[in-house]
Amino acid sequence: MPSGSNSPFIEEENDQLEKDLKNKVGLLKKVTIDIGHEVREQNKLLKEMDDDFDKSTGFLKSTMARVKKIAKSGHFYIYIYLLLFAAFVFFVIWLIMKTR
């Protein structure tokens, strides 16, 4: 059995350890909440990107359908338009990359 003279010191030490543990639990709770907020924000951004990709896919499909239709017509000037369009797309991509 511990002696009575050490009891206040042990209680004081336990109180300090309890206080430290409460502080650590509070910090852990704050970090967990911050992670939750960040995850929600990232999920929102991913959904927006997914929607943008879906729109782009639809646009590209319709463009490719038009290109195939033009290619079947057999006119030479159509290939020139296609080449100019591709050059324009690469130019726009280059401008976007340059501004970042």
PDB file of N, CA and C in Angstrom:
ATOM      1  N   MET A   1       0.829  -1.183   0.000  1.00  0.00           N
ATOM      2  CA  MET A   1       0.000   0.000   0.000  1.00  0.00           C
ATOM      3  C   MET A   1       0.874   1.246   0.000  1.00  0.00           C
ATOM      4  N   PRO A   2       0.520   2.197  -0.822  1.00  0.00           N
ATOM      5  CA  PRO A   2       1.315   3.416  -0.835  1.00  0.00           C
ATOM      6  C   PRO A   2       1.098   4.205   0.445  1.00  0.00           C
ATOM      7  N   SER A   3       2.107   4.907   0.784  1.00  0.00           N
ATOM      8  CA  SER A   3       1.992   5.714   1.995  1.00  0.00           C
ATOM      9  C   SER A   3       1.135   6.937   1.723  1.00  0.00           C
ATOM     10  N   GLY A   4       0.550   7.497   2.751  1.00  0.00           N
ATOM     11  CA  GLY A   4      -0.344   8.638   2.622  1.00  0.00           C
ATOM     12  C   GLY A   4       0.354   9.901   2.186  1.00  0.00           C
ATOM     13  N   SER A   5       1.643  10.011   2.404  1.00  0.00           N
ATOM     14  CA  SER A   5       2.362  11.234   2.049  1.00  0.00           C
ATOM     15  C   SER A   5       2.563  11.381   0.545  1.00  0.00           C
ATOM     16  N   ASN A   6       2.588  10.275  -0.207  1.00  0.00           N
ATOM     17  CA  ASN A   6       2.761  10.329  -1.660  1.00  0.00           C
ATOM     18  C   ASN A   6       1.447  10.557  -2.388  1.00  0.00           C
ATOM     19  N   SER A   7       0.341  10.358  -1.715  1.00  0.00           N
ATOM     20  CA  SER A   7      -0.974  10.442  -2.349  1.00  0.00           C
ATOM     21  C   SER A   7      -1.244  11.793  -3.014  1.00  0.00           C
ATOM     22  N   PRO A   8      -0.983  12.941  -2.389  1.00  0.00           N
ATOM     23  CA  PRO A   8      -1.232  14.221  -3.069  1.00  0.00           C
ATOM     24  C   PRO A   8      -0.375  14.401  -4.317  1.00  0.00           C
ATOM     25  N   PHE A   9       0.853  13.912  -4.281  1.00  0.00           N
ATOM     26  CA  PHE A   9       1.731  14.031  -5.451  1.00  0.00           C
ATOM     27  C   PHE A   9       1.218  13.169  -6.602  1.00  0.00           C
ATOM     28  N   ILE A  10       0.760  11.981  -6.267  1.00  0.00           N
ATOM     29  CA  ILE A  10       0.227  11.079  -7.297  1.00  0.00           C
ATOM     30  C   ILE A  10      -1.042  11.660  -7.899  1.00  0.00           C
ATOM     31  N   GLU A  11      -1.921  12.213  -7.045  1.00  0.00           N
ATOM     32  CA  GLU A  11      -3.154  12.833  -7.548  1.00  0.00           C
ATOM     33  C   GLU A  11      -2.831  14.037  -8.427  1.00  0.00           C
ATOM     34  N   GLU A  12      -1.860  14.816  -8.013  1.00  0.00           N
ATOM     35  CA  GLU A  12      -1.448  15.984  -8.796  1.00  0.00           C
ATOM     36  C   GLU A  12      -0.898  15.552 -10.155  1.00  0.00           C
ATOM     37  N   GLU A  13      -0.092  14.505 -10.142  1.00  0.00           N
ATOM     38  CA  GLU A  13       0.465  13.979 -11.394  1.00  0.00           C
ATOM     39  C   GLU A  13      -0.647  13.425 -12.285  1.00  0.00           C
ATOM     40  N   ASN A  14      -1.599  12.712 -11.692  1.00  0.00           N
ATOM     41  CA  ASN A  14      -2.735  12.184 -12.459  1.00  0.00           C
ATOM     42  C   ASN A  14      -3.576  13.308 -13.048  1.00  0.00           C
ATOM     43  N   ASP A  15      -3.793  14.363 -12.262  1.00  0.00           N
ATOM     44  CA  ASP A  15      -4.551  15.511 -12.762  1.00  0.00           C
ATOM     45  C   ASP A  15      -3.846  16.158 -13.951  1.00  0.00           C
ATOM     46  N   GLN A  16      -2.522  16.286 -13.845  1.00  0.00           N
ATOM     47  CA  GLN A  16      -1.749  16.870 -14.951  1.00  0.00           C
ATOM     48  C   GLN A  16      -1.812  15.978 -16.187  1.00  0.00           C
ATOM     49  N   LEU A  17      -1.674  14.666 -15.992  1.00  0.00           N
ATOM     50  CA  LEU A  17      -1.758  13.730 -17.118  1.00  0.00           C
ATOM     51  C   LEU A  17      -3.143  13.753 -17.748  1.00  0.00           C
ATOM     52  N   GLU A  18      -4.169  13.873 -16.914  1.00  0.00           N
ATOM     53  CA  GLU A  18      -5.542  13.954 -17.425  1.00  0.00           C
ATOM     54  C   GLU A  18      -5.722  15.224 -18.256  1.00  0.00           C
ATOM     55  N   LYS A  19      -5.186  16.334 -17.775  1.00  0.00           N
ATOM     56  CA  LYS A  19      -5.276  17.604 -18.493  1.00  0.00           C
ATOM     57  C   LYS A  19      -4.548  17.512 -19.842  1.00  0.00           C
ATOM     58  N   ASP A  20      -3.366  16.897 -19.827  1.00  0.00           N
ATOM     59  CA  ASP A  20      -2.606  16.719 -21.071  1.00  0.00           C
ATOM     60  C   ASP A  20      -3.375  15.853 -22.061  1.00  0.00           C
ATOM     61  N   LEU A  21      -3.985  14.789 -21.539  1.00  0.00           N
ATOM     62  CA  LEU A  21      -4.759  13.892 -22.399  1.00  0.00           C
ATOM     63  C   LEU A  21      -5.962  14.615 -22.999  1.00  0.00           C
ATOM     64  N   LYS A  22      -6.636  15.441 -22.203  1.00  0.00           N
ATOM     65  CA  LYS A  22      -7.777  16.214 -22.714  1.00  0.00           C
ATOM     66  C   LYS A  22      -7.326  17.163 -23.822  1.00  0.00           C
ATOM     67  N   ASN A  23      -6.171  17.796 -23.633  1.00  0.00           N
ATOM     68  CA  ASN A  23      -5.644  18.701 -24.661  1.00  0.00           C
ATOM     69  C   ASN A  23      -5.348  17.951 -25.956  1.00  0.00           C
ATOM     70  N   LYS A  24      -4.742  16.776 -25.814  1.00  0.00           N
ATOM     71  CA  LYS A  24      -4.419  15.981 -27.001  1.00  0.00           C
ATOM     72  C   LYS A  24      -5.678  15.501 -27.707  1.00  0.00           C
ATOM     73  N   VAL A  25      -6.688  15.098 -26.942  1.00  0.00           N
ATOM     74  CA  VAL A  25      -7.956  14.668 -27.539  1.00  0.00           C
ATOM     75  C   VAL A  25      -8.617  15.843 -28.253  1.00  0.00           C
ATOM     76  N   GLY A  26      -8.549  17.027 -27.646  1.00  0.00           N
ATOM     77  CA  GLY A  26      -9.112  18.221 -28.284  1.00  0.00           C
ATOM     78  C   GLY A  26      -8.416  18.541 -29.597  1.00  0.00           C
ATOM     79  N   LEU A  27      -7.088  18.444 -29.603  1.00  0.00           N
ATOM     80  CA  LEU A  27      -6.335  18.689 -30.836  1.00  0.00           C
ATOM     81  C   LEU A  27      -6.666  17.647 -31.901  1.00  0.00           C
ATOM     82  N   LEU A  28      -6.778  16.395 -31.469  1.00  0.00           N
ATOM     83  CA  LEU A  28      -7.119  15.325 -32.405  1.00  0.00           C
ATOM     84  C   LEU A  28      -8.504  15.547 -33.008  1.00  0.00           C
ATOM     85  N   LYS A  29      -9.442  16.002 -32.184  1.00  0.00           N
ATOM     86  CA  LYS A  29     -10.793  16.291 -32.675  1.00  0.00           C
ATOM     87  C   LYS A  29     -10.752  17.420 -33.704  1.00  0.00           C
ATOM     88  N   LYS A  30      -9.972  18.465 -33.416  1.00  0.00           N
ATOM     89  CA  LYS A  30      -9.864  19.593 -34.348  1.00  0.00           C
ATOM     90  C   LYS A  30      -9.262  19.139 -35.676  1.00  0.00           C
ATOM     91  N   VAL A  31      -8.202  18.332 -35.615  1.00  0.00           N
ATOM     92  CA  VAL A  31      -7.568  17.834 -36.841  1.00  0.00           C
ATOM     93  C   VAL A  31      -8.556  16.975 -37.630  1.00  0.00           C
ATOM     94  N   THR A  32      -9.311  16.138 -36.931  1.00  0.00           N
ATOM     95  CA  THR A  32     -10.291  15.280 -37.597  1.00  0.00           C
ATOM     96  C   THR A  32     -11.368  16.109 -38.283  1.00  0.00           C
ATOM     97  N   ILE A  33     -11.846  17.141 -37.623  1.00  0.00           N
ATOM     98  CA  ILE A  33     -12.858  18.022 -38.223  1.00  0.00           C
ATOM     99  C   ILE A  33     -12.279  18.733 -39.443  1.00  0.00           C
ATOM    100  N   ASP A  34     -11.038  19.222 -39.328  1.00  0.00           N
ATOM    101  CA  ASP A  34     -10.389  19.888 -40.467  1.00  0.00           C
ATOM    102  C   ASP A  34     -10.226  18.935 -41.648  1.00  0.00           C
ATOM    103  N   ILE A  35      -9.867  17.688 -41.366  1.00  0.00           N
ATOM    104  CA  ILE A  35      -9.736  16.692 -42.439  1.00  0.00           C
ATOM    105  C   ILE A  35     -11.086  16.466 -43.102  1.00  0.00           C
ATOM    106  N   GLY A  36     -12.146  16.386 -42.301  1.00  0.00           N
ATOM    107  CA  GLY A  36     -13.489  16.207 -42.856  1.00  0.00           C
ATOM    108  C   GLY A  36     -13.879  17.347 -43.782  1.00  0.00           C
ATOM    109  N   HIS A  37     -13.595  18.585 -43.360  1.00  0.00           N
ATOM    110  CA  HIS A  37     -13.893  19.747 -44.213  1.00  0.00           C
ATOM    111  C   HIS A  37     -13.095  19.687 -45.514  1.00  0.00           C
ATOM    112  N   GLU A  38     -11.828  19.331 -45.406  1.00  0.00           N
ATOM    113  CA  GLU A  38     -10.971  19.250 -46.598  1.00  0.00           C
ATOM    114  C   GLU A  38     -11.460  18.167 -47.552  1.00  0.00           C
ATOM    115  N   VAL A  39     -11.861  17.027 -47.009  1.00  0.00           N
ATOM    116  CA  VAL A  39     -12.364  15.935 -47.850  1.00  0.00           C
ATOM    117  C   VAL A  39     -13.632  16.372 -48.583  1.00  0.00           C
ATOM    118  N   ARG A  40     -14.536  17.056 -47.872  1.00  0.00           N
ATOM    119  CA  ARG A  40     -15.761  17.532 -48.531  1.00  0.00           C
ATOM    120  C   ARG A  40     -15.438  18.510 -49.660  1.00  0.00           C
ATOM    121  N   GLU A  41     -14.501  19.415 -49.402  1.00  0.00           N
ATOM    122  CA  GLU A  41     -14.113  20.403 -50.422  1.00  0.00           C
ATOM    123  C   GLU A  41     -13.479  19.719 -51.632  1.00  0.00           C
ATOM    124  N   GLN A  42     -12.608  18.754 -51.386  1.00  0.00           N
ATOM    125  CA  GLN A  42     -11.963  18.036 -52.490  1.00  0.00           C
ATOM    126  C   GLN A  42     -12.981  17.223 -53.287  1.00  0.00           C
ATOM    127  N   ASN A  43     -13.948  16.606 -52.602  1.00  0.00           N
ATOM    128  CA  ASN A  43     -14.993  15.860 -53.304  1.00  0.00           C
ATOM    129  C   ASN A  43     -15.825  16.785 -54.186  1.00  0.00           C
ATOM    130  N   LYS A  44     -16.100  17.987 -53.690  1.00  0.00           N
ATOM    131  CA  LYS A  44     -16.849  18.970 -54.478  1.00  0.00           C
ATOM    132  C   LYS A  44     -16.063  19.345 -55.742  1.00  0.00           C
ATOM    133  N   LEU A  45     -14.768  19.590 -55.586  1.00  0.00           N
ATOM    134  CA  LEU A  45     -13.935  19.937 -56.742  1.00  0.00           C
ATOM    135  C   LEU A  45     -13.852  18.781 -57.739  1.00  0.00           C
ATOM    136  N   LEU A  46     -13.744  17.551 -57.222  1.00  0.00           N
ATOM    137  CA  LEU A  46     -13.696  16.387 -58.114  1.00  0.00           C
ATOM    138  C   LEU A  46     -14.994  16.233 -58.890  1.00  0.00           C
ATOM    139  N   LYS A  47     -16.128  16.491 -58.243  1.00  0.00           N
ATOM    140  CA  LYS A  47     -17.414  16.395 -58.938  1.00  0.00           C
ATOM    141  C   LYS A  47     -17.499  17.452 -60.041  1.00  0.00           C
ATOM    142  N   GLU A  48     -17.041  18.660 -59.740  1.00  0.00           N
ATOM    143  CA  GLU A  48     -17.040  19.713 -60.759  1.00  0.00           C
ATOM    144  C   GLU A  48     -16.154  19.320 -61.943  1.00  0.00           C
ATOM    145  N   MET A  49     -14.990  18.745 -61.653  1.00  0.00           N
ATOM    146  CA  MET A  49     -14.103  18.299 -62.734  1.00  0.00           C
ATOM    147  C   MET A  49     -14.757  17.196 -63.552  1.00  0.00           C
ATOM    148  N   ASP A  50     -15.430  16.274 -62.874  1.00  0.00           N
ATOM    149  CA  ASP A  50     -16.109  15.184 -63.565  1.00  0.00           C
ATOM    150  C   ASP A  50     -17.190  15.734 -64.493  1.00  0.00           C
ATOM    151  N   ASP A  51     -17.947  16.719 -64.011  1.00  0.00           N
ATOM    152  CA  ASP A  51     -18.974  17.338 -64.851  1.00  0.00           C
ATOM    153  C   ASP A  51     -18.348  18.027 -66.063  1.00  0.00           C
ATOM    154  N   ASP A  52     -17.238  18.721 -65.840  1.00  0.00           N
ATOM    155  CA  ASP A  52     -16.551  19.385 -66.954  1.00  0.00           C
ATOM    156  C   ASP A  52     -16.052  18.375 -67.984  1.00  0.00           C
ATOM    157  N   PHE A  53     -15.511  17.251 -67.515  1.00  0.00           N
ATOM    158  CA  PHE A  53     -15.042  16.215 -68.441  1.00  0.00           C
ATOM    159  C   PHE A  53     -16.208  15.608 -69.217  1.00  0.00           C
ATOM    160  N   ASP A  54     -17.344  15.426 -68.550  1.00  0.00           N
ATOM    161  CA  ASP A  54     -18.516  14.903 -69.254  1.00  0.00           C
ATOM    162  C   ASP A  54     -18.959  15.859 -70.360  1.00  0.00           C
ATOM    163  N   LYS A  55     -18.955  17.156 -70.067  1.00  0.00           N
ATOM    164  CA  LYS A  55     -19.322  18.143 -71.084  1.00  0.00           C
ATOM    165  C   LYS A  55     -18.333  18.110 -72.248  1.00  0.00           C
ATOM    166  N   SER A  56     -17.047  18.024 -71.913  1.00  0.00           N
ATOM    167  CA  SER A  56     -16.020  17.988 -72.957  1.00  0.00           C
ATOM    168  C   SER A  56     -16.150  16.742 -73.818  1.00  0.00           C
ATOM    169  N   THR A  57     -16.468  15.622 -73.185  1.00  0.00           N
ATOM    170  CA  THR A  57     -16.631  14.376 -73.932  1.00  0.00           C
ATOM    171  C   THR A  57     -17.773  14.496 -74.926  1.00  0.00           C
ATOM    172  N   GLY A  58     -18.888  15.070 -74.487  1.00  0.00           N
ATOM    173  CA  GLY A  58     -20.018  15.267 -75.398  1.00  0.00           C
ATOM    174  C   GLY A  58     -19.654  16.172 -76.557  1.00  0.00           C
ATOM    175  N   PHE A  59     -18.930  17.239 -76.266  1.00  0.00           N
ATOM    176  CA  PHE A  59     -18.508  18.161 -77.313  1.00  0.00           C
ATOM    177  C   PHE A  59     -17.580  17.468 -78.307  1.00  0.00           C
ATOM    178  N   LEU A  60     -16.634  16.688 -77.790  1.00  0.00           N
ATOM    179  CA  LEU A  60     -15.700  15.986 -78.673  1.00  0.00           C
ATOM    180  C   LEU A  60     -16.407  14.938 -79.526  1.00  0.00           C
ATOM    181  N   LYS A  61     -17.388  14.246 -78.961  1.00  0.00           N
ATOM    182  CA  LYS A  61     -18.124  13.243 -79.736  1.00  0.00           C
ATOM    183  C   LYS A  61     -18.865  13.897 -80.893  1.00  0.00           C
ATOM    184  N   SER A  62     -19.521  15.024 -80.619  1.00  0.00           N
ATOM    185  CA  SER A  62     -20.245  15.692 -81.702  1.00  0.00           C
ATOM    186  C   SER A  62     -19.272  16.237 -82.750  1.00  0.00           C
ATOM    187  N   THR A  63     -18.128  16.736 -82.310  1.00  0.00           N
ATOM    188  CA  THR A  63     -17.125  17.235 -83.247  1.00  0.00           C
ATOM    189  C   THR A  63     -16.578  16.104 -84.108  1.00  0.00           C
ATOM    190  N   MET A  64     -16.296  14.968 -83.488  1.00  0.00           N
ATOM    191  CA  MET A  64     -15.779  13.825 -84.248  1.00  0.00           C
ATOM    192  C   MET A  64     -16.818  13.307 -85.241  1.00  0.00           C
ATOM    193  N   ALA A  65     -18.084  13.352 -84.859  1.00  0.00           N
ATOM    194  CA  ALA A  65     -19.133  12.928 -85.790  1.00  0.00           C
ATOM    195  C   ALA A  65     -19.144  13.842 -87.015  1.00  0.00           C
ATOM    196  N   ARG A  66     -18.993  15.141 -86.787  1.00  0.00           N
ATOM    197  CA  ARG A  66     -18.944  16.080 -87.910  1.00  0.00           C
ATOM    198  C   ARG A  66     -17.705  15.854 -88.772  1.00  0.00           C
ATOM    199  N   VAL A  67     -16.574  15.574 -88.121  1.00  0.00           N
ATOM    200  CA  VAL A  67     -15.334  15.323 -88.868  1.00  0.00           C
ATOM    201  C   VAL A  67     -15.488  14.080 -89.738  1.00  0.00           C
ATOM    202  N   LYS A  68     -16.087  13.027 -89.195  1.00  0.00           N
ATOM    203  CA  LYS A  68     -16.303  11.806 -89.980  1.00  0.00           C
ATOM    204  C   LYS A  68     -17.228  12.075 -91.160  1.00  0.00           C
ATOM    205  N   LYS A  69     -18.253  12.870 -90.916  1.00  0.00           N
ATOM    206  CA  LYS A  69     -19.188  13.210 -91.994  1.00  0.00           C
ATOM    207  C   LYS A  69     -18.465  13.989 -93.091  1.00  0.00           C
ATOM    208  N   ILE A  70     -17.635  14.923 -92.681  1.00  0.00           N
ATOM    209  CA  ILE A  70     -16.873  15.720 -93.643  1.00  0.00           C
ATOM    210  C   ILE A  70     -15.882  14.838 -94.400  1.00  0.00           C
ATOM    211  N   ALA A  71     -15.233  13.920 -93.679  1.00  0.00           N
ATOM    212  CA  ALA A  71     -14.239  13.052 -94.312  1.00  0.00           C
ATOM    213  C   ALA A  71     -14.879  12.157 -95.370  1.00  0.00           C
ATOM    214  N   LYS A  72     -16.113  11.749 -95.141  1.00  0.00           N
ATOM    215  CA  LYS A  72     -16.794  10.881 -96.101  1.00  0.00           C
ATOM    216  C   LYS A  72     -17.198  11.628 -97.368  1.00  0.00           C
ATOM    217  N   SER A  73     -17.310  12.946 -97.273  1.00  0.00           N
ATOM    218  CA  SER A  73     -17.735  13.714 -98.443  1.00  0.00           C
ATOM    219  C   SER A  73     -16.645  13.769 -99.516  1.00  0.00           C
ATOM    220  N   GLY A  74     -15.378  13.608 -99.124  1.00  0.00           N
ATOM    221  CA  GLY A  74     -14.294  13.503-100.093  1.00  0.00           C
ATOM    222  C   GLY A  74     -13.769  14.818-100.628  1.00  0.00           C
ATOM    223  N   HIS A  75     -14.131  15.934-100.048  1.00  0.00           N
ATOM    224  CA  HIS A  75     -13.636  17.225-100.530  1.00  0.00           C
ATOM    225  C   HIS A  75     -12.301  17.550 -99.871  1.00  0.00           C
ATOM    226  N   PHE A  76     -11.368  18.045-100.693  1.00  0.00           N
ATOM    227  CA  PHE A  76     -10.014  18.307-100.215  1.00  0.00           C
ATOM    228  C   PHE A  76      -9.966  19.474 -99.231  1.00  0.00           C
ATOM    229  N   TYR A  77     -10.756  20.511 -99.469  1.00  0.00           N
ATOM    230  CA  TYR A  77     -10.691  21.693 -98.613  1.00  0.00           C
ATOM    231  C   TYR A  77     -11.116  21.370 -97.175  1.00  0.00           C
ATOM    232  N   ILE A  78     -11.843  20.315 -96.991  1.00  0.00           N
ATOM    233  CA  ILE A  78     -12.259  19.905 -95.652  1.00  0.00           C
ATOM    234  C   ILE A  78     -11.038  19.525 -94.811  1.00  0.00           C
ATOM    235  N   TYR A  79     -10.075  18.877 -95.440  1.00  0.00           N
ATOM    236  CA  TYR A  79      -8.864  18.489 -94.716  1.00  0.00           C
ATOM    237  C   TYR A  79      -8.067  19.716 -94.286  1.00  0.00           C
ATOM    238  N   ILE A  80      -8.107  20.740 -95.086  1.00  0.00           N
ATOM    239  CA  ILE A  80      -7.430  21.986 -94.717  1.00  0.00           C
ATOM    240  C   ILE A  80      -8.103  22.601 -93.497  1.00  0.00           C
ATOM    241  N   TYR A  81      -9.450  22.605 -93.474  1.00  0.00           N
ATOM    242  CA  TYR A  81     -10.178  23.110 -92.312  1.00  0.00           C
ATOM    243  C   TYR A  81      -9.849  22.293 -91.058  1.00  0.00           C
ATOM    244  N   LEU A  82      -9.762  21.004 -91.228  1.00  0.00           N
ATOM    245  CA  LEU A  82      -9.435  20.129 -90.104  1.00  0.00           C
ATOM    246  C   LEU A  82      -8.036  20.436 -89.570  1.00  0.00           C
ATOM    247  N   LEU A  83      -7.091  20.621 -90.465  1.00  0.00           N
ATOM    248  CA  LEU A  83      -5.731  20.953 -90.067  1.00  0.00           C
ATOM    249  C   LEU A  83      -5.692  22.304 -89.349  1.00  0.00           C
ATOM    250  N   LEU A  84      -6.411  23.286 -89.868  1.00  0.00           N
ATOM    251  CA  LEU A  84      -6.463  24.599 -89.221  1.00  0.00           C
ATOM    252  C   LEU A  84      -7.116  24.512 -87.840  1.00  0.00           C
ATOM    253  N   PHE A  85      -8.166  23.713 -87.741  1.00  0.00           N
ATOM    254  CA  PHE A  85      -8.829  23.532 -86.451  1.00  0.00           C
ATOM    255  C   PHE A  85      -7.872  22.910 -85.432  1.00  0.00           C
ATOM    256  N   ALA A  86      -7.138  21.882 -85.845  1.00  0.00           N
ATOM    257  CA  ALA A  86      -6.183  21.229 -84.943  1.00  0.00           C
ATOM    258  C   ALA A  86      -5.098  22.218 -84.514  1.00  0.00           C
ATOM    259  N   ALA A  87      -4.618  23.027 -85.447  1.00  0.00           N
ATOM    260  CA  ALA A  87      -3.600  24.025 -85.115  1.00  0.00           C
ATOM    261  C   ALA A  87      -4.158  25.042 -84.120  1.00  0.00           C
ATOM    262  N   PHE A  88      -5.415  25.442 -84.321  1.00  0.00           N
ATOM    263  CA  PHE A  88      -6.059  26.382 -83.405  1.00  0.00           C
ATOM    264  C   PHE A  88      -6.176  25.786 -82.001  1.00  0.00           C
ATOM    265  N   VAL A  89      -6.573  24.530 -81.912  1.00  0.00           N
ATOM    266  CA  VAL A  89      -6.709  23.866 -80.608  1.00  0.00           C
ATOM    267  C   VAL A  89      -5.358  23.815 -79.906  1.00  0.00           C
ATOM    268  N   PHE A  90      -4.318  23.438 -80.610  1.00  0.00           N
ATOM    269  CA  PHE A  90      -2.991  23.394 -80.000  1.00  0.00           C
ATOM    270  C   PHE A  90      -2.522  24.784 -79.575  1.00  0.00           C
ATOM    271  N   PHE A  91      -2.858  25.800 -80.357  1.00  0.00           N
ATOM    272  CA  PHE A  91      -2.506  27.168 -79.999  1.00  0.00           C
ATOM    273  C   PHE A  91      -3.213  27.593 -78.716  1.00  0.00           C
ATOM    274  N   VAL A  92      -4.494  27.281 -78.598  1.00  0.00           N
ATOM    275  CA  VAL A  92      -5.247  27.629 -77.388  1.00  0.00           C
ATOM    276  C   VAL A  92      -4.671  26.898 -76.178  1.00  0.00           C
ATOM    277  N   ILE A  93      -4.359  25.638 -76.330  1.00  0.00           N
ATOM    278  CA  ILE A  93      -3.758  24.876 -75.227  1.00  0.00           C
ATOM    279  C   ILE A  93      -2.415  25.491 -74.840  1.00  0.00           C
ATOM    280  N   TRP A  94      -1.629  25.886 -75.829  1.00  0.00           N
ATOM    281  CA  TRP A  94      -0.341  26.511 -75.561  1.00  0.00           C
ATOM    282  C   TRP A  94      -0.527  27.820 -74.784  1.00  0.00           C
ATOM    283  N   LEU A  95      -1.524  28.623 -75.176  1.00  0.00           N
ATOM    284  CA  LEU A  95      -1.792  29.877 -74.470  1.00  0.00           C
ATOM    285  C   LEU A  95      -2.194  29.617 -73.020  1.00  0.00           C
ATOM    286  N   ILE A  96      -3.027  28.625 -72.818  1.00  0.00           N
ATOM    287  CA  ILE A  96      -3.466  28.302 -71.458  1.00  0.00           C
ATOM    288  C   ILE A  96      -2.277  27.864 -70.610  1.00  0.00           C
ATOM    289  N   MET A  97      -1.432  27.025 -71.173  1.00  0.00           N
ATOM    290  CA  MET A  97      -0.263  26.539 -70.435  1.00  0.00           C
ATOM    291  C   MET A  97       0.714  27.685 -70.144  1.00  0.00           C
ATOM    292  N   LYS A  98       0.824  28.623 -71.071  1.00  0.00           N
ATOM    293  CA  LYS A  98       1.759  29.731 -70.913  1.00  0.00           C
ATOM    294  C   LYS A  98       1.296  30.689 -69.809  1.00  0.00           C
ATOM    295  N   THR A  99      -0.010  30.888 -69.668  1.00  0.00           N
ATOM    296  CA  THR A  99      -0.523  31.836 -68.684  1.00  0.00           C
ATOM    297  C   THR A  99      -0.479  31.294 -67.268  1.00  0.00           C
ATOM    298  N   ARG A 100      -0.310  30.012 -67.108  1.00  0.00           N
ATOM    299  CA  ARG A 100      -0.265  29.440 -65.749  1.00  0.00           C
ATOM    300  C   ARG A 100       1.069  29.576 -65.193  1.00  0.00           C
TER     301      ARG A 100
END
